[in-house]
Amino acid sequence: MGVDFGLPHFDAELEELGLLAQTAGYAVAERVSCKRRAPDPALFVGSGKADEIRMLADATGASEVLFDQALSPAQQRNLERHLGRPVNDRTLLILEIFAQRAGSHEGKLQVELARLQYLSTRLVRRWSHLERQSGGIGMRGGPGETQIELDRRMIGEAIKRTRDRLEKVKRQRATQRRQRERREAFNISLVGYTNAGKSSLFNALVKARAYAADQLFATLDTTTRQLYLGEAQRSVSLSDTVGFIRDLPHGLVDAFAATLQEAADADLLLHVVDASNPGHLEQITSVLSVLREIGADEVPQLLVFNKLDAMDPATLPLSRVDTVELDGVSVPRIFVSARTGEGLPELRGLLAQRAMARDAAFAAETLASAASGDGSPEGPM
């Protein structure tokens, strides 16, 4: 179910929500959309449309209703009562996928934190049947504390424990980054909309075997490998990161701050774009929005238009390498195909140029520092 409020990027066909649902393991029975000026405070869609959804769900045998927009706890509760079946929104759907896909200890902690934060706002909806007085022997809260208050306290404590454990992981990552910086590493992070082909490009460049599939959020955990650039006679550090998506839940942006920090601390971002997707311009906008949220919008970018082999022949570019405006800044763009390898030698050449320019700048800074007496080696004792 999607509601068009006249805002840009509305997906009239609900294609992305359908892909999310399929990725989470659902079978889509029907798609419904409507237009409104503003959300209905009680039912989000209004009683008439809610009746229509209920009848359609009954006719198709749908066991659950998914909304493309975020619902308030009250709207979710009212809709479930009205429709007589579970109702979930885009936020929970993304959380479900992340919970299924997280592989590393850090990824699982991040998903758990986001899930707990989401759940804490849904206590009234999830456990309204437990709103009873439950004090007495063995209950922490003592006489007079309701079950829902106990649940809220337990979730609050779980959130604190998970945050503490994530903070420890974040410190470990910071230590690893400092070690790379001491080795004068040139750090490159792959970023982009989910399913743009980042992992496929990563595998093609470093001959790795990171999981890559034609589905949303195939990669959740950051993978880092060394990429040797013969033109620069040196290796660089290349990281594959989680894909971005429109309306990414803020809880997930916050929870994944440690993983996304790889992008914020990079020397160069390879912004991978699915060139064959008709909505790739909107996807670029969504990625730039998340980069601003995590403080990575000032990192230099190189636009990599992937899936050249899947593009409509009528839209193929005249030149494989050009320059475009991105947020008012001229950014190099290159067209490649991670699947066929077309354009990858040129991409490696561009990366080598960036690495050599950075090495030259680093050498100049070192010389200037030595000339001024800062950090110059001590003479013999």
Foldseek 3Di string as FASTA:
>chain_A
DEECLPDPPGDPVCVVVCQLCVLLPHDDQDDDYYYDNFADPQQGPDDVVLVVVLVSCVVRVPQEAEYADQDQLRNQLNSCVSNVHHYYYPQVSVLSSQCVQDDDPLSNLLSVLLVLVVVLRNLCRPVVVQQDFDADPPDPVHGPDGPSNVVNVVSVVVNVVSVVVNVVVLVVVVVVVVVCVVVVAAEEEEAFAFQLCQVLLVCLQAVDCQQDDNGGFNDAAKDWDWGQQVVLRGIHIYIYHTYFDPPHPPSSLVSCLSRCVSLQPHQEYAYRFALQDPCRVVRLVRRCVSCVVSNNNPRAYAYEHEPLVNHDPVPRDPDQWDWDADPNDIHIYGYAYSVVGPRVVVVSVVVSVVSVVSVVVVVVVVVVCVVVVHPPDDDDD
